């Protein structure tokens, strides 16, 4: 597998350095902690929002640092949780009088790192709260997780709490909003191909050319089942059925619909998927109020897609509509 790689050990630091160099007015890179933070952070008039997780899911989360979204992100290596001391030092650097909110995708390694870092920070009288994101409906428990996984739906939590923080909301209110958005967000993904981590140089798992993985995790974790390749509409129908039935979403609902590419899917195919999902929701009496098509939470170069639905109300839709100024322009 051909990749743009120098020393695989430097893959993440070199990516982060490039991100900061491309956005010198808004982003600061702290190499000691794999940290990307806003140049104007922390601010005394707002809660600081921090997320971590492993690298390899870009633009999540380092490319969603900026006004209206995250104040900082401290990723680990590819598909690896950040070390506890990275998270701890990030919390100290981002400490605000209004407090700090940690957003954590529901994976065992991430939970451990952030829980321990929170304890260390609280011992220094820093006010810290944690919100776990678990939008994946594919499986209840899986490799690396206790409960459901956090996947592309994390975007909506980041966006809503980031907007609320920018408006000046206090920590309790921001936590309420984040928990509310997480509770009405559901996602399921599938893979056409495996991904290839830079340090490994070969596909992460074996997926025959004529098979697909339904419900795959963003680190290549097994999903619900492997089946023979199906037409696109049949794939979308299975993903959508699983997502809609889980909450459940019902006729009369107004939703945000995200079709998220996993890193190796052409944008043309994502819009083909969106077409089917949108029309199927209309047939169910569900209105798409906001739509998102592109790459939001990837798995390196995996060819595949995930579908996310968020049940909207006036509050959530207003927060999602607030402006954000981040490194990528898709938001």
C-alpha atoms as a PDB file:
ATOM      1  CA  UNK A   1       0.000   0.000   0.000  1.00  0.00           C
ATOM      2  CA  UNK A   2       1.450   3.363  -1.061  1.00  0.00           C
ATOM      3  CA  UNK A   3       1.138   6.251   1.380  1.00  0.00           C
ATOM      4  CA  UNK A   4       2.671   9.649   2.017  1.00  0.00           C
ATOM      5  CA  UNK A   5       4.699   8.620   5.062  1.00  0.00           C
ATOM      6  CA  UNK A   6       8.187   9.369   6.336  1.00  0.00           C
ATOM      7  CA  UNK A   7       8.858   7.607   9.639  1.00  0.00           C
ATOM      8  CA  UNK A   8       5.527   6.085  10.763  1.00  0.00           C
ATOM      9  CA  UNK A   9       6.348   7.152  14.344  1.00  0.00           C
ATOM     10  CA  UNK A  10       6.211  10.777  13.177  1.00  0.00           C
ATOM     11  CA  UNK A  11       2.989  10.439  11.183  1.00  0.00           C
ATOM     12  CA  UNK A  12       0.772  12.168  13.752  1.00  0.00           C
ATOM     13  CA  UNK A  13       3.207  14.927  14.827  1.00  0.00           C
ATOM     14  CA  UNK A  14       3.976  15.832  11.215  1.00  0.00           C
ATOM     15  CA  UNK A  15       0.262  15.968  10.389  1.00  0.00           C
ATOM     16  CA  UNK A  16      -0.424  18.200  13.389  1.00  0.00           C
ATOM     17  CA  UNK A  17       2.482  20.499  12.571  1.00  0.00           C
ATOM     18  CA  UNK A  18       1.177  20.891   9.031  1.00  0.00           C
ATOM     19  CA  UNK A  19      -2.308  21.666  10.308  1.00  0.00           C
ATOM     20  CA  UNK A  20      -0.994  24.429  12.557  1.00  0.00           C
ATOM     21  CA  UNK A  21       1.259  25.863   9.849  1.00  0.00           C
ATOM     22  CA  UNK A  22      -1.740  26.068   7.515  1.00  0.00           C
ATOM     23  CA  UNK A  23      -3.819  27.932  10.115  1.00  0.00           C
ATOM     24  CA  UNK A  24      -1.338  30.169  11.969  1.00  0.00           C
ATOM     25  CA  UNK A  25      -3.864  32.815  13.016  1.00  0.00           C
ATOM     26  CA  UNK A  26      -6.310  30.412  14.653  1.00  0.00           C
ATOM     27  CA  UNK A  27      -4.451  27.262  15.739  1.00  0.00           C
ATOM     28  CA  UNK A  28      -1.511  26.580  18.037  1.00  0.00           C
ATOM     29  CA  UNK A  29       0.408  23.298  18.076  1.00  0.00           C
ATOM     30  CA  UNK A  30       1.953  22.056  21.334  1.00  0.00           C
ATOM     31  CA  UNK A  31       4.088  19.070  20.276  1.00  0.00           C
ATOM     32  CA  UNK A  32       4.790  17.843  23.819  1.00  0.00           C
ATOM     33  CA  UNK A  33       1.155  16.731  24.135  1.00  0.00           C
ATOM     34  CA  UNK A  34       0.023  16.214  20.516  1.00  0.00           C
ATOM     35  CA  UNK A  35      -2.112  19.260  21.247  1.00  0.00           C
ATOM     36  CA  UNK A  36      -3.948  21.468  18.783  1.00  0.00           C
ATOM     37  CA  UNK A  37      -5.640  24.427  20.495  1.00  0.00           C
ATOM     38  CA  UNK A  38      -7.221  27.737  19.594  1.00  0.00           C
ATOM     39  CA  UNK A  39      -4.802  30.651  19.704  1.00  0.00           C
ATOM     40  CA  UNK A  40      -7.338  32.611  21.778  1.00  0.00           C
ATOM     41  CA  UNK A  41      -7.900  29.819  24.316  1.00  0.00           C
ATOM     42  CA  UNK A  42      -8.550  29.626  27.162  1.00  0.00           C
ATOM     43  CA  UNK A  43     -11.054  32.432  27.511  1.00  0.00           C
ATOM     44  CA  UNK A  44     -12.360  33.574  30.881  1.00  0.00           C
ATOM     45  CA  UNK A  45     -15.854  34.170  29.473  1.00  0.00           C
ATOM     46  CA  UNK A  46     -16.531  30.657  28.140  1.00  0.00           C
ATOM     47  CA  UNK A  47     -16.324  26.998  29.050  1.00  0.00           C
ATOM     48  CA  UNK A  48     -13.421  25.218  27.325  1.00  0.00           C
ATOM     49  CA  UNK A  49     -14.451  22.234  25.180  1.00  0.00           C
ATOM     50  CA  UNK A  50     -11.843  19.473  24.704  1.00  0.00           C
ATOM     51  CA  UNK A  51     -11.914  16.205  22.808  1.00  0.00           C
ATOM     52  CA  UNK A  52      -9.218  13.611  22.184  1.00  0.00           C
ATOM     53  CA  UNK A  53      -9.463  10.042  20.833  1.00  0.00           C
ATOM     54  CA  UNK A  54      -7.021   8.376  18.490  1.00  0.00           C
ATOM     55  CA  UNK A  55      -5.720   9.872  15.267  1.00  0.00           C
ATOM     56  CA  UNK A  56      -6.790   8.495  11.916  1.00  0.00           C
ATOM     57  CA  UNK A  57     -10.341   9.862  12.071  1.00  0.00           C
ATOM     58  CA  UNK A  58      -9.623  13.286  10.626  1.00  0.00           C
ATOM     59  CA  UNK A  59     -11.211  15.757  10.317  1.00  0.00           C
ATOM     60  CA  UNK A  60     -12.303  14.554  13.769  1.00  0.00           C
ATOM     61  CA  UNK A  61     -11.126  15.939  16.068  1.00  0.00           C
ATOM     62  CA  UNK A  62      -8.107  18.156  15.505  1.00  0.00           C
ATOM     63  CA  UNK A  63      -9.611  19.813  12.435  1.00  0.00           C
ATOM     64  CA  UNK A  64     -12.752  20.789  14.349  1.00  0.00           C
ATOM     65  CA  UNK A  65     -10.841  23.058  16.726  1.00  0.00           C
ATOM     66  CA  UNK A  66     -11.956  26.643  16.323  1.00  0.00           C
ATOM     67  CA  UNK A  67     -14.580  29.227  17.189  1.00  0.00           C
ATOM     68  CA  UNK A  68     -17.967  27.603  17.689  1.00  0.00           C
ATOM     69  CA  UNK A  69     -16.631  24.074  18.148  1.00  0.00           C
ATOM     70  CA  UNK A  70     -13.673  22.654  20.093  1.00  0.00           C
ATOM     71  CA  UNK A  71     -11.156  24.728  22.012  1.00  0.00           C
ATOM     72  CA  UNK A  72      -8.580  21.942  21.863  1.00  0.00           C
ATOM     73  CA  UNK A  73      -7.943  18.362  20.789  1.00  0.00           C
ATOM     74  CA  UNK A  74      -5.181  16.097  22.048  1.00  0.00           C
ATOM     75  CA  UNK A  75      -5.153  12.909  19.956  1.00  0.00           C
ATOM     76  CA  UNK A  76      -3.161   9.773  20.550  1.00  0.00           C
ATOM     77  CA  UNK A  77      -1.386   7.792  17.860  1.00  0.00           C
ATOM     78  CA  UNK A  78      -3.399   6.244  15.036  1.00  0.00           C
ATOM     79  CA  UNK A  79      -6.384   4.412  16.564  1.00  0.00           C
ATOM     80  CA  UNK A  80      -4.875   4.759  20.059  1.00  0.00           C
ATOM     81  CA  UNK A  81      -6.209   6.743  23.003  1.00  0.00           C
ATOM     82  CA  UNK A  82      -4.120   9.746  24.075  1.00  0.00           C
ATOM     83  CA  UNK A  83      -1.902   9.179  27.109  1.00  0.00           C
ATOM     84  CA  UNK A  84      -3.373  10.367  30.392  1.00  0.00           C
ATOM     85  CA  UNK A  85      -0.664  12.999  30.828  1.00  0.00           C
ATOM     86  CA  UNK A  86      -1.500  14.503  27.414  1.00  0.00           C
ATOM     87  CA  UNK A  87      -5.116  14.934  28.481  1.00  0.00           C
ATOM     88  CA  UNK A  88      -4.131  16.215  31.932  1.00  0.00           C
ATOM     89  CA  UNK A  89      -1.740  18.827  30.549  1.00  0.00           C
ATOM     90  CA  UNK A  90      -4.329  19.858  27.979  1.00  0.00           C
ATOM     91  CA  UNK A  91      -6.905  20.401  30.722  1.00  0.00           C
ATOM     92  CA  UNK A  92      -4.446  22.553  32.669  1.00  0.00           C
ATOM     93  CA  UNK A  93      -3.594  24.645  29.596  1.00  0.00           C
ATOM     94  CA  UNK A  94      -7.286  25.106  28.743  1.00  0.00           C
ATOM     95  CA  UNK A  95      -8.559  25.666  32.297  1.00  0.00           C
ATOM     96  CA  UNK A  96     -11.165  28.432  32.361  1.00  0.00           C
ATOM     97  CA  UNK A  97     -12.941  30.010  35.348  1.00  0.00           C
ATOM     98  CA  UNK A  98     -16.177  28.744  33.754  1.00  0.00           C
ATOM     99  CA  UNK A  99     -14.879  25.176  33.680  1.00  0.00           C
ATOM    100  CA  UNK A 100     -13.815  22.509  31.189  1.00  0.00           C
ATOM    101  CA  UNK A 101     -15.958  19.946  29.364  1.00  0.00           C
ATOM    102  CA  UNK A 102     -14.322  16.766  28.079  1.00  0.00           C
ATOM    103  CA  UNK A 103     -16.033  15.007  25.166  1.00  0.00           C
ATOM    104  CA  UNK A 104     -15.115  11.328  25.014  1.00  0.00           C
ATOM    105  CA  UNK A 105     -16.118   8.768  22.406  1.00  0.00           C
ATOM    106  CA  UNK A 106     -17.130   5.592  24.214  1.00  0.00           C
ATOM    107  CA  UNK A 107     -14.012   3.427  23.943  1.00  0.00           C
ATOM    108  CA  UNK A 108     -12.320   1.787  26.897  1.00  0.00           C
ATOM    109  CA  UNK A 109      -8.896   3.375  26.352  1.00  0.00           C
ATOM    110  CA  UNK A 110     -10.327   6.859  25.897  1.00  0.00           C
ATOM    111  CA  UNK A 111     -12.536   6.535  28.971  1.00  0.00           C
ATOM    112  CA  UNK A 112      -9.579   5.450  31.117  1.00  0.00           C
ATOM    113  CA  UNK A 113      -7.297   8.249  29.906  1.00  0.00           C
ATOM    114  CA  UNK A 114      -9.887  10.988  30.341  1.00  0.00           C
ATOM    115  CA  UNK A 115     -11.228   9.699  33.678  1.00  0.00           C
ATOM    116  CA  UNK A 116      -7.731   9.626  35.174  1.00  0.00           C
ATOM    117  CA  UNK A 117      -6.866  13.041  33.737  1.00  0.00           C
ATOM    118  CA  UNK A 118     -10.068  14.489  35.167  1.00  0.00           C
ATOM    119  CA  UNK A 119      -9.203  13.159  38.626  1.00  0.00           C
ATOM    120  CA  UNK A 120      -5.743  14.719  38.436  1.00  0.00           C
ATOM    121  CA  UNK A 121      -7.155  18.057  37.306  1.00  0.00           C
ATOM    122  CA  UNK A 122      -9.846  18.095  39.984  1.00  0.00           C
ATOM    123  CA  UNK A 123      -7.134  17.514  42.590  1.00  0.00           C
ATOM    124  CA  UNK A 124      -5.803  20.907  41.470  1.00  0.00           C
ATOM    125  CA  UNK A 125      -9.249  22.495  41.876  1.00  0.00           C
ATOM    126  CA  UNK A 126      -9.966  22.687  38.146  1.00  0.00           C
ATOM    127  CA  UNK A 127     -13.681  22.298  37.407  1.00  0.00           C
ATOM    128  CA  UNK A 128     -14.039  19.490  34.865  1.00  0.00           C
ATOM    129  CA  UNK A 129     -17.006  17.519  33.552  1.00  0.00           C
ATOM    130  CA  UNK A 130     -17.057  14.598  31.097  1.00  0.00           C
ATOM    131  CA  UNK A 131     -19.636  13.631  28.494  1.00  0.00           C
ATOM    132  CA  UNK A 132     -19.481  10.208  26.822  1.00  0.00           C
ATOM    133  CA  UNK A 133     -20.742   9.892  23.241  1.00  0.00           C
ATOM    134  CA  UNK A 134     -22.276   6.565  22.173  1.00  0.00           C
ATOM    135  CA  UNK A 135     -24.307   6.997  18.993  1.00  0.00           C
ATOM    136  CA  UNK A 136     -23.410   3.745  17.170  1.00  0.00           C
ATOM    137  CA  UNK A 137     -26.364   1.338  16.928  1.00  0.00           C
ATOM    138  CA  UNK A 138     -24.352  -1.462  15.293  1.00  0.00           C
ATOM    139  CA  UNK A 139     -23.567  -3.467  18.413  1.00  0.00           C
ATOM    140  CA  UNK A 140     -24.168  -3.015  22.129  1.00  0.00           C
ATOM    141  CA  UNK A 141     -20.645  -4.051  23.175  1.00  0.00           C
ATOM    142  CA  UNK A 142     -17.614  -4.453  20.955  1.00  0.00           C
ATOM    143  CA  UNK A 143     -13.854  -4.599  20.932  1.00  0.00           C
ATOM    144  CA  UNK A 144     -12.443  -1.604  22.870  1.00  0.00           C
ATOM    145  CA  UNK A 145     -15.850  -0.491  24.202  1.00  0.00           C
ATOM    146  CA  UNK A 146     -18.069  -0.780  27.225  1.00  0.00           C
ATOM    147  CA  UNK A 147     -21.477  -0.179  25.709  1.00  0.00           C
ATOM    148  CA  UNK A 148     -22.092   1.463  22.367  1.00  0.00           C
ATOM    149  CA  UNK A 149     -19.311   3.096  20.379  1.00  0.00           C
ATOM    150  CA  UNK A 150     -18.999   6.797  19.710  1.00  0.00           C
ATOM    151  CA  UNK A 151     -18.707   7.473  15.980  1.00  0.00           C
ATOM    152  CA  UNK A 152     -19.722  10.189  13.489  1.00  0.00           C
ATOM    153  CA  UNK A 153     -22.567  11.437  15.664  1.00  0.00           C
ATOM    154  CA  UNK A 154     -19.909  13.056  17.846  1.00  0.00           C
ATOM    155  CA  UNK A 155     -19.910  15.918  15.318  1.00  0.00           C
ATOM    156  CA  UNK A 156     -23.372  17.021  16.408  1.00  0.00           C
ATOM    157  CA  UNK A 157     -22.450  16.963  20.088  1.00  0.00           C
ATOM    158  CA  UNK A 158     -19.278  18.979  19.379  1.00  0.00           C
ATOM    159  CA  UNK A 159     -21.227  21.479  17.308  1.00  0.00           C
ATOM    160  CA  UNK A 160     -24.042  21.978  19.808  1.00  0.00           C
ATOM    161  CA  UNK A 161     -21.895  22.300  22.946  1.00  0.00           C
ATOM    162  CA  UNK A 162     -19.375  24.451  21.080  1.00  0.00           C
ATOM    163  CA  UNK A 163     -22.123  26.835  20.019  1.00  0.00           C
ATOM    164  CA  UNK A 164     -23.570  26.930  23.526  1.00  0.00           C
ATOM    165  CA  UNK A 165     -20.138  27.678  25.002  1.00  0.00           C
ATOM    166  CA  UNK A 166     -19.640  30.477  22.487  1.00  0.00           C
ATOM    167  CA  UNK A 167     -22.970  31.954  23.569  1.00  0.00           C
ATOM    168  CA  UNK A 168     -21.695  32.051  27.159  1.00  0.00           C
ATOM    169  CA  UNK A 169     -23.680  29.174  28.662  1.00  0.00           C
ATOM    170  CA  UNK A 170     -22.445  27.774  31.965  1.00  0.00           C
ATOM    171  CA  UNK A 171     -21.026  24.275  32.399  1.00  0.00           C
ATOM    172  CA  UNK A 172     -24.250  22.711  33.712  1.00  0.00           C
ATOM    173  CA  UNK A 173     -26.242  24.044  30.785  1.00  0.00           C
ATOM    174  CA  UNK A 174     -23.650  22.901  28.251  1.00  0.00           C
ATOM    175  CA  UNK A 175     -23.624  19.403  29.762  1.00  0.00           C
ATOM    176  CA  UNK A 176     -27.424  19.289  29.568  1.00  0.00           C
ATOM    177  CA  UNK A 177     -27.296  20.236  25.896  1.00  0.00           C
ATOM    178  CA  UNK A 178     -24.595  17.701  25.091  1.00  0.00           C
ATOM    179  CA  UNK A 179     -26.453  14.886  26.839  1.00  0.00           C
ATOM    180  CA  UNK A 180     -29.657  15.870  25.043  1.00  0.00           C
ATOM    181  CA  UNK A 181     -28.037  15.825  21.605  1.00  0.00           C
ATOM    182  CA  UNK A 182     -26.317  12.515  22.294  1.00  0.00           C
ATOM    183  CA  UNK A 183     -29.633  10.993  23.401  1.00  0.00           C
ATOM    184  CA  UNK A 184     -31.329  11.749  20.055  1.00  0.00           C
ATOM    185  CA  UNK A 185     -28.388  10.863  17.777  1.00  0.00           C
ATOM    186  CA  UNK A 186     -27.975   7.456  16.118  1.00  0.00           C
ATOM    187  CA  UNK A 187     -25.394   6.166  13.601  1.00  0.00           C
ATOM    188  CA  UNK A 188     -24.514   3.004  11.720  1.00  0.00           C
ATOM    189  CA  UNK A 189     -21.691   2.438   9.241  1.00  0.00           C
ATOM    190  CA  UNK A 190     -20.401  -0.181   6.839  1.00  0.00           C
ATOM    191  CA  UNK A 191     -17.143  -0.936   5.044  1.00  0.00           C
ATOM    192  CA  UNK A 192     -16.404  -1.865   1.454  1.00  0.00           C
ATOM    193  CA  UNK A 193     -12.689  -2.231   2.233  1.00  0.00           C
ATOM    194  CA  UNK A 194     -10.388  -2.295   5.233  1.00  0.00           C
ATOM    195  CA  UNK A 195      -8.076   0.597   6.080  1.00  0.00           C
ATOM    196  CA  UNK A 196      -4.265   0.543   6.241  1.00  0.00           C
ATOM    197  CA  UNK A 197      -2.575   2.114   9.293  1.00  0.00           C
ATOM    198  CA  UNK A 198       0.765   3.752   8.402  1.00  0.00           C
ATOM    199  CA  UNK A 199       2.736   1.757  10.971  1.00  0.00           C
ATOM    200  CA  UNK A 200       1.273  -1.546   9.764  1.00  0.00           C
ATOM    201  CA  UNK A 201       1.493  -1.018   6.018  1.00  0.00           C
ATOM    202  CA  UNK A 202      -1.122  -3.692   5.276  1.00  0.00           C
ATOM    203  CA  UNK A 203      -4.923  -3.751   5.650  1.00  0.00           C
ATOM    204  CA  UNK A 204      -6.131  -3.844   9.236  1.00  0.00           C
ATOM    205  CA  UNK A 205      -8.452  -6.791   8.593  1.00  0.00           C
ATOM    206  CA  UNK A 206      -9.226  -9.192   5.777  1.00  0.00           C
ATOM    207  CA  UNK A 207     -12.329  -8.364   3.752  1.00  0.00           C
ATOM    208  CA  UNK A 208     -12.698 -10.351   0.517  1.00  0.00           C
ATOM    209  CA  UNK A 209     -13.346  -8.374  -2.657  1.00  0.00           C
ATOM    210  CA  UNK A 210     -16.926  -9.615  -2.933  1.00  0.00           C
ATOM    211  CA  UNK A 211     -17.898  -9.018   0.727  1.00  0.00           C
ATOM    212  CA  UNK A 212     -18.828  -6.016   2.882  1.00  0.00           C
ATOM    213  CA  UNK A 213     -18.920  -5.492   6.664  1.00  0.00           C
ATOM    214  CA  UNK A 214     -22.224  -4.128   7.962  1.00  0.00           C
ATOM    215  CA  UNK A 215     -21.874  -2.198  11.203  1.00  0.00           C
ATOM    216  CA  UNK A 216     -18.080  -1.893  11.114  1.00  0.00           C
ATOM    217  CA  UNK A 217     -16.400   0.237  13.769  1.00  0.00           C
ATOM    218  CA  UNK A 218     -14.162   3.183  12.908  1.00  0.00           C
ATOM    219  CA  UNK A 219     -11.126   1.239  14.136  1.00  0.00           C
ATOM    220  CA  UNK A 220     -12.060  -1.783  12.047  1.00  0.00           C
ATOM    221  CA  UNK A 221     -13.970  -3.518  14.847  1.00  0.00           C
ATOM    222  CA  UNK A 222     -16.349  -6.229  13.658  1.00  0.00           C
ATOM    223  CA  UNK A 223     -19.897  -5.182  12.922  1.00  0.00           C
ATOM    224  CA  UNK A 224     -23.179  -7.074  12.782  1.00  0.00           C
ATOM    225  CA  UNK A 225     -22.399  -9.351   9.869  1.00  0.00           C
ATOM    226  CA  UNK A 226     -20.483  -9.879   6.674  1.00  0.00           C
ATOM    227  CA  UNK A 227     -22.475 -10.260   3.496  1.00  0.00           C
ATOM    228  CA  UNK A 228     -21.916 -10.350  -0.228  1.00  0.00           C
ATOM    229  CA  UNK A 229     -21.689  -6.983  -1.951  1.00  0.00           C
ATOM    230  CA  UNK A 230     -25.165  -5.544  -2.554  1.00  0.00           C
ATOM    231  CA  UNK A 231     -26.498  -2.673  -4.693  1.00  0.00           C
ATOM    232  CA  UNK A 232     -26.095   0.734  -3.055  1.00  0.00           C
ATOM    233  CA  UNK A 233     -29.819   1.152  -2.351  1.00  0.00           C
ATOM    234  CA  UNK A 234     -29.962  -2.151  -0.466  1.00  0.00           C
ATOM    235  CA  UNK A 235     -26.962  -1.113   1.665  1.00  0.00           C
ATOM    236  CA  UNK A 236     -28.554   2.231   2.489  1.00  0.00           C
ATOM    237  CA  UNK A 237     -31.869   0.594   3.338  1.00  0.00           C
ATOM    238  CA  UNK A 238     -30.230  -1.767   5.836  1.00  0.00           C
ATOM    239  CA  UNK A 239     -28.263   1.042   7.511  1.00  0.00           C
ATOM    240  CA  UNK A 240     -31.269   3.334   7.630  1.00  0.00           C
ATOM    241  CA  UNK A 241     -33.609   0.665   8.979  1.00  0.00           C
ATOM    242  CA  UNK A 242     -31.204   0.008  11.840  1.00  0.00           C
ATOM    243  CA  UNK A 243     -30.829   3.708  12.670  1.00  0.00           C
ATOM    244  CA  UNK A 244     -34.500   4.674  12.355  1.00  0.00           C
ATOM    245  CA  UNK A 245     -35.772   1.738  14.397  1.00  0.00           C
ATOM    246  CA  UNK A 246     -33.346   2.264  17.274  1.00  0.00           C
ATOM    247  CA  UNK A 247     -34.583   5.523  18.833  1.00  0.00           C
ATOM    248  CA  UNK A 248     -37.065   5.068  17.194  1.00  0.00           C
ATOM    249  CA  UNK A 249     -37.497   7.909  14.724  1.00  0.00           C
ATOM    250  CA  UNK A 250     -41.132   8.341  13.738  1.00  0.00           C
ATOM    251  CA  UNK A 251     -43.368   9.945  11.144  1.00  0.00           C
ATOM    252  CA  UNK A 252     -43.547  13.664  11.811  1.00  0.00           C
ATOM    253  CA  UNK A 253     -39.965  13.905  13.086  1.00  0.00           C
ATOM    254  CA  UNK A 254     -37.641  16.567  11.725  1.00  0.00           C
ATOM    255  CA  UNK A 255     -34.035  15.368  11.533  1.00  0.00           C
ATOM    256  CA  UNK A 256     -30.481  16.209  10.617  1.00  0.00           C
ATOM    257  CA  UNK A 257     -29.170  13.614   8.160  1.00  0.00           C
ATOM    258  CA  UNK A 258     -25.438  13.004   7.818  1.00  0.00           C
ATOM    259  CA  UNK A 259     -23.889  10.793   5.160  1.00  0.00           C
ATOM    260  CA  UNK A 260     -20.289  10.424   6.307  1.00  0.00           C
ATOM    261  CA  UNK A 261     -17.472   8.991   4.209  1.00  0.00           C
ATOM    262  CA  UNK A 262     -14.963   6.784   6.018  1.00  0.00           C
ATOM    263  CA  UNK A 263     -11.940   8.104   4.101  1.00  0.00           C
ATOM    264  CA  UNK A 264     -11.842   6.264   0.784  1.00  0.00           C
ATOM    265  CA  UNK A 265     -15.292   6.867  -0.731  1.00  0.00           C
ATOM    266  CA  UNK A 266     -15.721   9.385  -3.598  1.00  0.00           C
ATOM    267  CA  UNK A 267     -18.017  12.295  -2.869  1.00  0.00           C
ATOM    268  CA  UNK A 268     -20.160  11.292  -5.846  1.00  0.00           C
ATOM    269  CA  UNK A 269     -20.954   7.994  -4.133  1.00  0.00           C
ATOM    270  CA  UNK A 270     -21.803   9.788  -0.895  1.00  0.00           C
ATOM    271  CA  UNK A 271     -24.418  11.867  -2.710  1.00  0.00           C
ATOM    272  CA  UNK A 272     -25.786   8.706  -4.317  1.00  0.00           C
ATOM    273  CA  UNK A 273     -26.206   7.316  -0.807  1.00  0.00           C
ATOM    274  CA  UNK A 274     -27.742  10.584   0.389  1.00  0.00           C
ATOM    275  CA  UNK A 275     -30.349  10.454  -2.397  1.00  0.00           C
ATOM    276  CA  UNK A 276     -31.622   7.081  -1.257  1.00  0.00           C
ATOM    277  CA  UNK A 277     -31.557   7.945   2.445  1.00  0.00           C
ATOM    278  CA  UNK A 278     -33.398  11.235   1.914  1.00  0.00           C
ATOM    279  CA  UNK A 279     -36.099   9.615  -0.227  1.00  0.00           C
ATOM    280  CA  UNK A 280     -36.556   6.713   2.189  1.00  0.00           C
ATOM    281  CA  UNK A 281     -36.978   9.102   5.105  1.00  0.00           C
ATOM    282  CA  UNK A 282     -39.564  11.075   3.118  1.00  0.00           C
ATOM    283  CA  UNK A 283     -41.475   7.849   2.495  1.00  0.00           C
ATOM    284  CA  UNK A 284     -41.542   7.320   6.276  1.00  0.00           C
ATOM    285  CA  UNK A 285     -42.890  10.827   6.895  1.00  0.00           C
ATOM    286  CA  UNK A 286     -39.571  12.044   8.340  1.00  0.00           C
ATOM    287  CA  UNK A 287     -38.428  15.499   7.210  1.00  0.00           C
ATOM    288  CA  UNK A 288     -34.744  16.285   6.646  1.00  0.00           C
ATOM    289  CA  UNK A 289     -34.259  19.737   8.150  1.00  0.00           C
ATOM    290  CA  UNK A 290     -30.467  19.860   7.920  1.00  0.00           C
ATOM    291  CA  UNK A 291     -28.111  17.751   5.821  1.00  0.00           C
ATOM    292  CA  UNK A 292     -24.397  16.978   5.917  1.00  0.00           C
ATOM    293  CA  UNK A 293     -22.592  15.074   3.153  1.00  0.00           C
ATOM    294  CA  UNK A 294     -18.825  14.578   3.263  1.00  0.00           C
ATOM    295  CA  UNK A 295     -16.070  13.274   5.513  1.00  0.00           C
ATOM    296  CA  UNK A 296     -16.563  14.096   9.184  1.00  0.00           C
ATOM    297  CA  UNK A 297     -15.259  11.059  11.080  1.00  0.00           C
ATOM    298  CA  UNK A 298     -13.108   8.744   8.979  1.00  0.00           C
ATOM    299  CA  UNK A 299     -11.093   5.574   9.353  1.00  0.00           C
ATOM    300  CA  UNK A 300      -7.941   6.501   7.415  1.00  0.00           C
ATOM    301  CA  UNK A 301      -8.480   5.233   3.853  1.00  0.00           C
ATOM    302  CA  UNK A 302     -11.382   2.861   4.499  1.00  0.00           C
ATOM    303  CA  UNK A 303     -13.937   2.788   1.698  1.00  0.00           C
ATOM    304  CA  UNK A 304     -17.310   2.900   3.361  1.00  0.00           C
ATOM    305  CA  UNK A 305     -20.039   5.118   4.712  1.00  0.00           C
ATOM    306  CA  UNK A 306     -22.029   5.821   7.847  1.00  0.00           C
ATOM    307  CA  UNK A 307     -25.484   7.317   8.210  1.00  0.00           C
ATOM    308  CA  UNK A 308     -26.384   9.497  11.185  1.00  0.00           C
ATOM    309  CA  UNK A 309     -29.763  10.878  12.187  1.00  0.00           C
ATOM    310  CA  UNK A 310     -30.421  13.505  14.857  1.00  0.00           C
ATOM    311  CA  UNK A 311     -33.967  14.248  15.994  1.00  0.00           C
ATOM    312  CA  UNK A 312     -34.221  18.022  15.838  1.00  0.00           C
ATOM    313  CA  UNK A 313     -36.100  20.476  17.989  1.00  0.00           C
ATOM    314  CA  UNK A 314     -35.869  24.262  17.994  1.00  0.00           C
ATOM    315  CA  UNK A 315     -33.010  24.332  20.493  1.00  0.00           C
ATOM    316  CA  UNK A 316     -30.807  21.762  18.746  1.00  0.00           C
ATOM    317  CA  UNK A 317     -31.463  23.181  15.301  1.00  0.00           C
ATOM    318  CA  UNK A 318     -30.598  26.687  16.468  1.00  0.00           C
ATOM    319  CA  UNK A 319     -27.276  25.531  17.941  1.00  0.00           C
ATOM    320  CA  UNK A 320     -26.370  23.552  14.815  1.00  0.00           C
ATOM    321  CA  UNK A 321     -27.057  26.676  12.774  1.00  0.00           C
ATOM    322  CA  UNK A 322     -24.586  28.879  14.655  1.00  0.00           C
ATOM    323  CA  UNK A 323     -21.413  29.742  12.688  1.00  0.00           C
ATOM    324  CA  UNK A 324     -18.165  27.833  13.214  1.00  0.00           C
ATOM    325  CA  UNK A 325     -14.685  28.866  12.137  1.00  0.00           C
ATOM    326  CA  UNK A 326     -12.486  25.798  11.900  1.00  0.00           C
ATOM    327  CA  UNK A 327      -9.643  24.462   9.772  1.00  0.00           C
ATOM    328  CA  UNK A 328     -11.852  22.626   7.284  1.00  0.00           C
ATOM    329  CA  UNK A 329     -14.637  24.396   5.464  1.00  0.00           C
ATOM    330  CA  UNK A 330     -17.295  21.663   5.374  1.00  0.00           C
ATOM    331  CA  UNK A 331     -19.049  22.814   8.554  1.00  0.00           C
END
